[in-house]
């Protein structure tokens, strides 16, 4: 907002492009108002030139925050169900337990970089995977399209 001057209008496509939370949106729009800068959101048809526009801004911003909260709750619930079923979110492991065991044996005679190239992974991926493997971390299968 450093380029806007009093009398200018800041235009955004949607409210969520201006801030990530209701309090942040209100803070930004209030700051603009104090500086004499108007605000317009095209998708929500909000124009803070009027009292009605400010009312609409606050109502729609509150609804947007509510919707983000619902999405976050659903995501957490889905992750909890997946974990209870023994699935983890994220990428599947780069190397299987058999490959990691083989890599451990190869590392006796070959440098880490060569072994990583052999398994077509980055050396840091191999190092991290071996550390987990040697710690006895047997992770469940990753989630595949559950969410």
N, C-alpha and C. Protein backbone atom coordinates (compact mmCIF):
# COMPACT_ATOMS: atom_id res chain seq x y z
N UNK A 1 0.82 -1.19 0.00
CA UNK A 1 0.00 0.00 0.00
C UNK A 1 0.86 1.26 0.00
N UNK A 2 2.17 1.10 -0.08
CA UNK A 2 3.06 2.24 0.00
C UNK A 2 2.93 3.20 -1.17
N UNK A 3 2.38 2.76 -2.29
CA UNK A 3 2.27 3.63 -3.46
C UNK A 3 0.99 4.45 -3.48
N UNK A 4 -0.02 4.03 -2.75
CA UNK A 4 -1.30 4.74 -2.77
C UNK A 4 -1.20 6.03 -1.96
N UNK A 5 -1.87 7.06 -2.46
CA UNK A 5 -1.89 8.36 -1.80
C UNK A 5 -3.33 8.73 -1.45
N UNK A 6 -3.53 9.70 -0.55
CA UNK A 6 -4.89 10.14 -0.24
C UNK A 6 -5.64 10.51 -1.52
N UNK A 7 -6.87 10.01 -1.61
CA UNK A 7 -7.68 10.24 -2.80
C UNK A 7 -7.63 9.09 -3.79
N UNK A 8 -6.62 8.21 -3.65
CA UNK A 8 -6.51 7.04 -4.53
C UNK A 8 -7.49 5.96 -4.08
N UNK A 9 -7.67 4.97 -4.93
CA UNK A 9 -8.51 3.81 -4.61
C UNK A 9 -7.70 2.54 -4.85
N UNK A 10 -7.65 1.69 -3.83
CA UNK A 10 -7.00 0.38 -3.96
C UNK A 10 -8.07 -0.60 -4.42
N UNK A 11 -7.81 -1.28 -5.53
CA UNK A 11 -8.77 -2.22 -6.10
C UNK A 11 -8.17 -3.63 -6.04
N UNK A 12 -8.95 -4.58 -5.51
CA UNK A 12 -8.53 -5.98 -5.49
C UNK A 12 -9.60 -6.81 -6.19
N UNK A 13 -9.18 -7.96 -6.70
CA UNK A 13 -10.12 -8.86 -7.37
C UNK A 13 -11.08 -9.47 -6.37
N UNK A 14 -10.54 -9.99 -5.25
CA UNK A 14 -11.35 -10.59 -4.19
C UNK A 14 -10.78 -10.18 -2.84
N UNK A 15 -11.62 -10.20 -1.82
CA UNK A 15 -11.19 -9.82 -0.48
C UNK A 15 -10.03 -10.66 0.03
N UNK A 16 -10.05 -11.95 -0.28
CA UNK A 16 -9.00 -12.82 0.26
C UNK A 16 -7.63 -12.51 -0.34
N UNK A 17 -7.56 -11.66 -1.36
CA UNK A 17 -6.28 -11.23 -1.93
C UNK A 17 -5.65 -10.12 -1.09
N UNK A 18 -6.42 -9.52 -0.21
CA UNK A 18 -5.92 -8.41 0.60
C UNK A 18 -5.40 -8.87 1.95
N UNK A 19 -5.99 -9.90 2.54
CA UNK A 19 -5.55 -10.36 3.85
C UNK A 19 -6.03 -11.77 4.12
N UNK A 20 -5.38 -12.44 5.09
CA UNK A 20 -5.71 -13.83 5.37
C UNK A 20 -6.65 -14.03 6.54
N UNK A 21 -6.92 -12.96 7.30
CA UNK A 21 -7.83 -13.11 8.43
C UNK A 21 -8.71 -11.88 8.51
N UNK A 22 -9.82 -12.03 9.21
CA UNK A 22 -10.74 -10.92 9.37
C UNK A 22 -10.05 -9.74 10.04
N UNK A 23 -9.30 -10.01 11.09
CA UNK A 23 -8.64 -8.91 11.79
C UNK A 23 -7.64 -8.20 10.89
N UNK A 24 -6.91 -8.96 10.06
CA UNK A 24 -5.95 -8.34 9.15
C UNK A 24 -6.67 -7.50 8.08
N UNK A 25 -7.77 -8.05 7.53
CA UNK A 25 -8.53 -7.29 6.53
C UNK A 25 -9.03 -5.97 7.12
N UNK A 26 -9.58 -6.04 8.32
CA UNK A 26 -10.12 -4.83 8.95
C UNK A 26 -8.99 -3.85 9.23
N UNK A 27 -7.86 -4.36 9.67
CA UNK A 27 -6.71 -3.51 9.95
C UNK A 27 -6.25 -2.78 8.68
N UNK A 28 -6.15 -3.51 7.57
CA UNK A 28 -5.68 -2.92 6.32
C UNK A 28 -6.68 -1.88 5.82
N UNK A 29 -7.96 -2.23 5.79
CA UNK A 29 -8.96 -1.29 5.28
C UNK A 29 -9.07 -0.07 6.20
N UNK A 30 -8.97 -0.26 7.51
CA UNK A 30 -9.00 0.87 8.45
C UNK A 30 -7.80 1.78 8.23
N UNK A 31 -6.64 1.17 7.99
CA UNK A 31 -5.43 1.95 7.72
C UNK A 31 -5.60 2.77 6.43
N UNK A 32 -6.16 2.13 5.41
CA UNK A 32 -6.41 2.85 4.16
C UNK A 32 -7.37 4.02 4.40
N UNK A 33 -8.42 3.75 5.17
CA UNK A 33 -9.41 4.79 5.47
C UNK A 33 -8.77 5.97 6.19
N UNK A 34 -7.91 5.69 7.19
CA UNK A 34 -7.24 6.76 7.93
C UNK A 34 -6.35 7.61 7.01
N UNK A 35 -5.80 6.97 5.97
CA UNK A 35 -4.92 7.68 5.04
C UNK A 35 -5.70 8.37 3.92
N UNK A 36 -7.04 8.23 3.94
CA UNK A 36 -7.85 8.85 2.90
C UNK A 36 -7.83 8.07 1.60
N UNK A 37 -7.57 6.78 1.69
CA UNK A 37 -7.52 5.91 0.51
C UNK A 37 -8.75 5.02 0.53
N UNK A 38 -9.48 5.00 -0.59
CA UNK A 38 -10.68 4.18 -0.69
C UNK A 38 -10.29 2.76 -1.07
N UNK A 39 -11.23 1.84 -0.90
CA UNK A 39 -11.00 0.42 -1.17
C UNK A 39 -12.16 -0.13 -1.97
N UNK A 40 -11.85 -0.94 -3.00
CA UNK A 40 -12.87 -1.58 -3.83
C UNK A 40 -12.48 -3.04 -4.03
N UNK A 41 -13.44 -3.95 -3.83
CA UNK A 41 -13.26 -5.36 -4.13
C UNK A 41 -14.24 -5.70 -5.25
N UNK A 42 -13.72 -6.15 -6.37
CA UNK A 42 -14.55 -6.35 -7.56
C UNK A 42 -15.54 -7.51 -7.43
N UNK A 43 -15.08 -8.67 -6.95
CA UNK A 43 -15.97 -9.85 -6.90
C UNK A 43 -17.09 -9.67 -5.88
N UNK A 44 -16.80 -9.05 -4.74
CA UNK A 44 -17.82 -8.87 -3.71
C UNK A 44 -18.61 -7.58 -3.90
N UNK A 45 -18.23 -6.80 -4.91
CA UNK A 45 -18.89 -5.53 -5.21
C UNK A 45 -18.91 -4.62 -3.97
N UNK A 46 -17.74 -4.47 -3.37
CA UNK A 46 -17.60 -3.64 -2.17
C UNK A 46 -16.87 -2.37 -2.55
N UNK A 47 -17.41 -1.25 -2.13
CA UNK A 47 -16.80 0.04 -2.37
C UNK A 47 -16.91 0.84 -1.07
N UNK A 48 -15.78 1.12 -0.44
CA UNK A 48 -15.81 1.76 0.88
C UNK A 48 -16.03 3.28 0.81
N UNK A 49 -16.44 3.79 -0.36
CA UNK A 49 -16.75 5.21 -0.46
C UNK A 49 -17.96 5.57 0.40
N UNK A 50 -18.80 4.58 0.72
CA UNK A 50 -20.03 4.86 1.47
C UNK A 50 -20.10 4.03 2.74
N UNK A 51 -21.00 4.41 3.63
CA UNK A 51 -21.22 3.65 4.86
C UNK A 51 -21.73 2.25 4.54
N UNK A 52 -22.60 2.15 3.54
CA UNK A 52 -23.13 0.85 3.13
C UNK A 52 -22.00 -0.05 2.63
N UNK A 53 -21.07 0.52 1.88
CA UNK A 53 -19.92 -0.24 1.39
C UNK A 53 -19.07 -0.75 2.54
N UNK A 54 -18.87 0.08 3.58
CA UNK A 54 -18.10 -0.37 4.74
C UNK A 54 -18.83 -1.48 5.48
N UNK A 55 -20.16 -1.38 5.61
CA UNK A 55 -20.95 -2.42 6.25
C UNK A 55 -20.82 -3.73 5.47
N UNK A 56 -20.94 -3.65 4.15
CA UNK A 56 -20.82 -4.84 3.32
C UNK A 56 -19.42 -5.46 3.46
N UNK A 57 -18.41 -4.60 3.53
CA UNK A 57 -17.04 -5.10 3.70
C UNK A 57 -16.94 -5.93 4.96
N UNK A 58 -17.43 -5.40 6.08
CA UNK A 58 -17.33 -6.12 7.35
C UNK A 58 -18.14 -7.41 7.34
N UNK A 59 -19.31 -7.40 6.72
CA UNK A 59 -20.13 -8.61 6.67
C UNK A 59 -19.46 -9.69 5.82
N UNK A 60 -19.00 -9.33 4.65
CA UNK A 60 -18.41 -10.32 3.75
C UNK A 60 -17.07 -10.81 4.30
N UNK A 61 -16.30 -9.92 4.93
CA UNK A 61 -15.03 -10.35 5.52
C UNK A 61 -15.29 -11.36 6.64
N UNK A 62 -16.33 -11.13 7.44
CA UNK A 62 -16.66 -12.08 8.52
C UNK A 62 -17.08 -13.43 7.94
N UNK A 63 -17.87 -13.42 6.88
CA UNK A 63 -18.27 -14.68 6.23
C UNK A 63 -17.08 -15.41 5.62
N UNK A 64 -16.16 -14.65 5.04
CA UNK A 64 -14.97 -15.27 4.44
C UNK A 64 -14.12 -15.93 5.53
N UNK A 65 -13.96 -15.27 6.67
CA UNK A 65 -13.21 -15.86 7.77
C UNK A 65 -13.91 -17.12 8.29
N UNK A 66 -15.23 -17.08 8.38
CA UNK A 66 -16.00 -18.24 8.82
C UNK A 66 -15.77 -19.42 7.87
N UNK A 67 -15.82 -19.15 6.57
CA UNK A 67 -15.62 -20.20 5.57
C UNK A 67 -14.21 -20.80 5.68
N UNK A 68 -13.18 -19.96 5.85
CA UNK A 68 -11.82 -20.47 6.01
C UNK A 68 -11.71 -21.35 7.25
N UNK A 69 -12.42 -20.94 8.32
CA UNK A 69 -12.41 -21.75 9.55
C UNK A 69 -13.04 -23.11 9.33
N UNK A 70 -14.14 -23.16 8.59
CA UNK A 70 -14.80 -24.44 8.29
C UNK A 70 -13.90 -25.35 7.47
N UNK A 71 -13.23 -24.77 6.49
CA UNK A 71 -12.33 -25.56 5.65
C UNK A 71 -11.20 -26.14 6.50
N UNK A 72 -10.64 -25.32 7.40
CA UNK A 72 -9.56 -25.80 8.27
C UNK A 72 -10.05 -26.92 9.18
N UNK A 73 -11.26 -26.78 9.73
CA UNK A 73 -11.81 -27.83 10.60
C UNK A 73 -12.00 -29.13 9.83
N UNK A 74 -12.53 -29.04 8.62
CA UNK A 74 -12.73 -30.24 7.81
C UNK A 74 -11.39 -30.91 7.47
N UNK A 75 -10.41 -30.09 7.16
CA UNK A 75 -9.09 -30.64 6.84
C UNK A 75 -8.50 -31.37 8.03
N UNK A 76 -8.57 -30.75 9.21
CA UNK A 76 -8.05 -31.40 10.43
C UNK A 76 -8.80 -32.69 10.72
N UNK A 77 -10.12 -32.69 10.54
CA UNK A 77 -10.91 -33.90 10.79
C UNK A 77 -10.52 -35.01 9.81
N UNK A 78 -10.33 -34.66 8.55
CA UNK A 78 -9.93 -35.64 7.55
C UNK A 78 -8.56 -36.22 7.83
N UNK A 79 -7.62 -35.37 8.26
CA UNK A 79 -6.29 -35.85 8.61
C UNK A 79 -6.34 -36.77 9.82
N UNK A 80 -7.17 -36.44 10.80
CA UNK A 80 -7.30 -37.29 11.99
C UNK A 80 -7.85 -38.67 11.62
N UNK A 81 -8.85 -38.70 10.74
CA UNK A 81 -9.41 -39.99 10.29
C UNK A 81 -8.34 -40.78 9.55
N UNK A 82 -7.60 -40.10 8.67
CA UNK A 82 -6.56 -40.79 7.91
C UNK A 82 -5.50 -41.37 8.84
N UNK A 83 -5.08 -40.60 9.83
CA UNK A 83 -4.07 -41.10 10.76
C UNK A 83 -4.60 -42.27 11.57
N UNK A 84 -5.89 -42.21 11.94
CA UNK A 84 -6.47 -43.32 12.71
C UNK A 84 -6.52 -44.59 11.86
N UNK A 85 -6.55 -44.44 10.55
CA UNK A 85 -6.53 -45.59 9.65
C UNK A 85 -5.10 -46.02 9.30
N UNK A 86 -4.12 -45.33 9.90
CA UNK A 86 -2.74 -45.68 9.67
C UNK A 86 -2.13 -45.11 8.42
N UNK A 87 -2.70 -44.05 7.90
CA UNK A 87 -2.17 -43.41 6.69
C UNK A 87 -1.61 -42.05 7.04
N UNK A 88 -0.56 -41.66 6.34
CA UNK A 88 0.06 -40.36 6.56
C UNK A 88 -0.15 -39.48 5.35
N UNK A 89 -0.34 -38.19 5.58
CA UNK A 89 -0.44 -37.28 4.43
C UNK A 89 0.93 -37.05 3.82
N UNK A 90 0.95 -36.60 2.61
CA UNK A 90 2.21 -36.23 1.98
C UNK A 90 2.69 -37.23 0.95
N UNK A 91 3.90 -36.98 0.52
CA UNK A 91 4.51 -37.83 -0.50
C UNK A 91 4.82 -39.21 0.06
N UNK A 92 4.74 -40.21 -0.78
CA UNK A 92 5.16 -41.55 -0.34
C UNK A 92 6.67 -41.54 -0.14
N UNK A 93 7.19 -42.45 0.67
CA UNK A 93 8.63 -42.51 0.88
C UNK A 93 9.36 -42.75 -0.43
N UNK A 94 10.53 -42.13 -0.57
CA UNK A 94 11.31 -42.25 -1.80
C UNK A 94 11.90 -43.65 -1.95
N UNK A 95 12.21 -44.29 -0.80
CA UNK A 95 12.85 -45.60 -0.84
C UNK A 95 12.13 -46.57 0.08
N UNK A 96 12.01 -47.79 -0.36
CA UNK A 96 11.38 -48.82 0.47
C UNK A 96 12.36 -49.31 1.52
N UNK A 97 11.88 -50.10 2.46
CA UNK A 97 12.74 -50.67 3.50
C UNK A 97 13.81 -51.57 2.88
N UNK A 98 13.43 -52.30 1.85
CA UNK A 98 14.39 -53.19 1.18
C UNK A 98 15.50 -52.36 0.52
N UNK A 99 15.11 -51.27 -0.15
CA UNK A 99 16.10 -50.40 -0.78
C UNK A 99 17.02 -49.75 0.25
N UNK A 100 16.44 -49.35 1.38
CA UNK A 100 17.26 -48.73 2.42
C UNK A 100 18.25 -49.72 3.01
N UNK A 101 17.83 -50.94 3.18
CA UNK A 101 18.75 -51.99 3.68
C UNK A 101 19.88 -52.21 2.68
N UNK A 102 19.52 -52.25 1.40
CA UNK A 102 20.52 -52.42 0.35
C UNK A 102 21.48 -51.22 0.35
N UNK A 103 20.95 -50.02 0.49
CA UNK A 103 21.77 -48.80 0.51
C UNK A 103 22.75 -48.83 1.68
N UNK A 104 22.29 -49.30 2.83
CA UNK A 104 23.18 -49.40 4.00
C UNK A 104 24.38 -50.28 3.71
N UNK A 105 24.12 -51.40 3.05
CA UNK A 105 25.22 -52.32 2.72
C UNK A 105 26.16 -51.70 1.68
N UNK A 106 25.60 -50.97 0.71
CA UNK A 106 26.43 -50.33 -0.31
C UNK A 106 27.32 -49.24 0.27
N UNK A 107 26.82 -48.57 1.31
CA UNK A 107 27.58 -47.47 1.91
C UNK A 107 28.86 -47.94 2.59
N UNK A 108 28.99 -49.21 2.80
CA UNK A 108 30.23 -49.76 3.39
C UNK A 108 31.39 -49.56 2.43
N UNK A 109 31.09 -49.69 1.13
CA UNK A 109 32.15 -49.63 0.12
C UNK A 109 32.05 -48.43 -0.82
N UNK A 110 30.90 -47.78 -0.85
CA UNK A 110 30.72 -46.67 -1.80
C UNK A 110 30.37 -45.38 -1.07
N UNK A 111 30.72 -44.24 -1.67
CA UNK A 111 30.36 -42.96 -1.04
C UNK A 111 28.85 -42.69 -1.14
N UNK A 112 28.37 -41.86 -0.25
CA UNK A 112 26.94 -41.53 -0.18
C UNK A 112 26.41 -41.03 -1.52
N UNK A 113 27.16 -40.15 -2.18
CA UNK A 113 26.69 -39.58 -3.45
C UNK A 113 26.48 -40.66 -4.50
N UNK A 114 27.37 -41.64 -4.55
CA UNK A 114 27.26 -42.73 -5.53
C UNK A 114 26.05 -43.60 -5.24
N UNK A 115 25.82 -43.89 -3.98
CA UNK A 115 24.67 -44.73 -3.61
C UNK A 115 23.37 -43.96 -3.91
N UNK A 116 23.35 -42.67 -3.61
CA UNK A 116 22.16 -41.87 -3.89
C UNK A 116 21.86 -41.86 -5.39
N UNK A 117 22.91 -41.70 -6.21
CA UNK A 117 22.72 -41.73 -7.66
C UNK A 117 22.18 -43.08 -8.11
N UNK A 118 22.66 -44.15 -7.51
CA UNK A 118 22.22 -45.49 -7.88
C UNK A 118 20.71 -45.65 -7.65
N UNK A 119 20.20 -45.04 -6.57
CA UNK A 119 18.77 -45.14 -6.25
C UNK A 119 17.97 -43.96 -6.81
N UNK A 120 18.65 -43.10 -7.56
CA UNK A 120 18.01 -41.96 -8.22
C UNK A 120 17.32 -41.03 -7.21
N UNK A 121 18.03 -40.74 -6.11
CA UNK A 121 17.53 -39.79 -5.11
C UNK A 121 18.67 -38.84 -4.75
N UNK A 122 18.30 -37.71 -4.17
CA UNK A 122 19.31 -36.76 -3.71
C UNK A 122 20.02 -37.35 -2.49
N UNK A 123 21.27 -36.98 -2.30
CA UNK A 123 22.03 -37.53 -1.17
C UNK A 123 21.39 -37.19 0.17
N UNK A 124 20.77 -35.99 0.27
CA UNK A 124 20.12 -35.62 1.52
C UNK A 124 18.88 -36.48 1.76
N UNK A 125 18.17 -36.83 0.69
CA UNK A 125 17.01 -37.72 0.82
C UNK A 125 17.46 -39.07 1.34
N UNK A 126 18.55 -39.60 0.78
CA UNK A 126 19.09 -40.89 1.23
C UNK A 126 19.52 -40.79 2.69
N UNK A 127 20.23 -39.72 3.04
CA UNK A 127 20.71 -39.56 4.41
C UNK A 127 19.53 -39.52 5.40
N UNK A 128 18.53 -38.71 5.07
CA UNK A 128 17.35 -38.57 5.95
C UNK A 128 16.59 -39.89 6.05
N UNK A 129 16.42 -40.58 4.94
CA UNK A 129 15.70 -41.85 4.94
C UNK A 129 16.43 -42.90 5.76
N UNK A 130 17.74 -42.94 5.62
CA UNK A 130 18.53 -43.90 6.39
C UNK A 130 18.46 -43.60 7.89
N UNK A 131 18.48 -42.33 8.23
CA UNK A 131 18.41 -41.94 9.64
C UNK A 131 17.09 -42.43 10.25
N UNK A 132 15.98 -42.22 9.54
CA UNK A 132 14.67 -42.69 10.02
C UNK A 132 14.64 -44.22 10.09
N UNK A 133 15.19 -44.85 9.05
CA UNK A 133 15.19 -46.31 8.97
C UNK A 133 15.98 -46.91 10.13
N UNK A 134 17.14 -46.34 10.39
CA UNK A 134 17.99 -46.87 11.46
C UNK A 134 17.43 -46.58 12.85
N UNK A 135 16.60 -45.55 12.94
CA UNK A 135 15.94 -45.24 14.22
C UNK A 135 14.77 -46.18 14.46
N UNK A 136 14.47 -47.01 13.48
CA UNK A 136 13.38 -47.97 13.63
C UNK A 136 12.02 -47.41 13.30
N UNK A 137 11.99 -46.30 12.62
CA UNK A 137 10.73 -45.68 12.26
C UNK A 137 10.12 -46.42 11.09
N UNK A 138 9.13 -47.21 11.40
CA UNK A 138 8.39 -47.90 10.34
C UNK A 138 7.10 -47.15 10.15
N UNK A 139 7.12 -46.24 9.20
CA UNK A 139 5.94 -45.40 9.01
C UNK A 139 4.87 -46.15 8.23
N UNK A 140 3.59 -45.87 8.52
CA UNK A 140 2.51 -46.49 7.77
C UNK A 140 2.52 -46.01 6.33
N UNK A 141 1.73 -46.66 5.53
CA UNK A 141 1.62 -46.27 4.14
C UNK A 141 1.10 -44.84 4.05
N UNK A 142 1.59 -44.05 3.10
CA UNK A 142 1.08 -42.70 2.93
C UNK A 142 -0.35 -42.75 2.40
N UNK A 143 -1.07 -41.64 2.60
CA UNK A 143 -2.44 -41.55 2.11
C UNK A 143 -2.40 -41.48 0.60
N UNK A 144 -3.31 -42.19 -0.03
CA UNK A 144 -3.38 -42.11 -1.48
C UNK A 144 -4.78 -41.69 -1.88
N UNK A 145 -4.93 -40.37 -2.07
CA UNK A 145 -6.20 -39.83 -2.53
C UNK A 145 -7.31 -39.86 -1.51
N UNK A 146 -7.00 -39.94 -0.21
CA UNK A 146 -8.06 -40.01 0.79
C UNK A 146 -8.76 -38.67 0.95
N UNK A 147 -8.00 -37.58 0.88
CA UNK A 147 -8.61 -36.25 1.04
C UNK A 147 -8.79 -35.58 -0.28
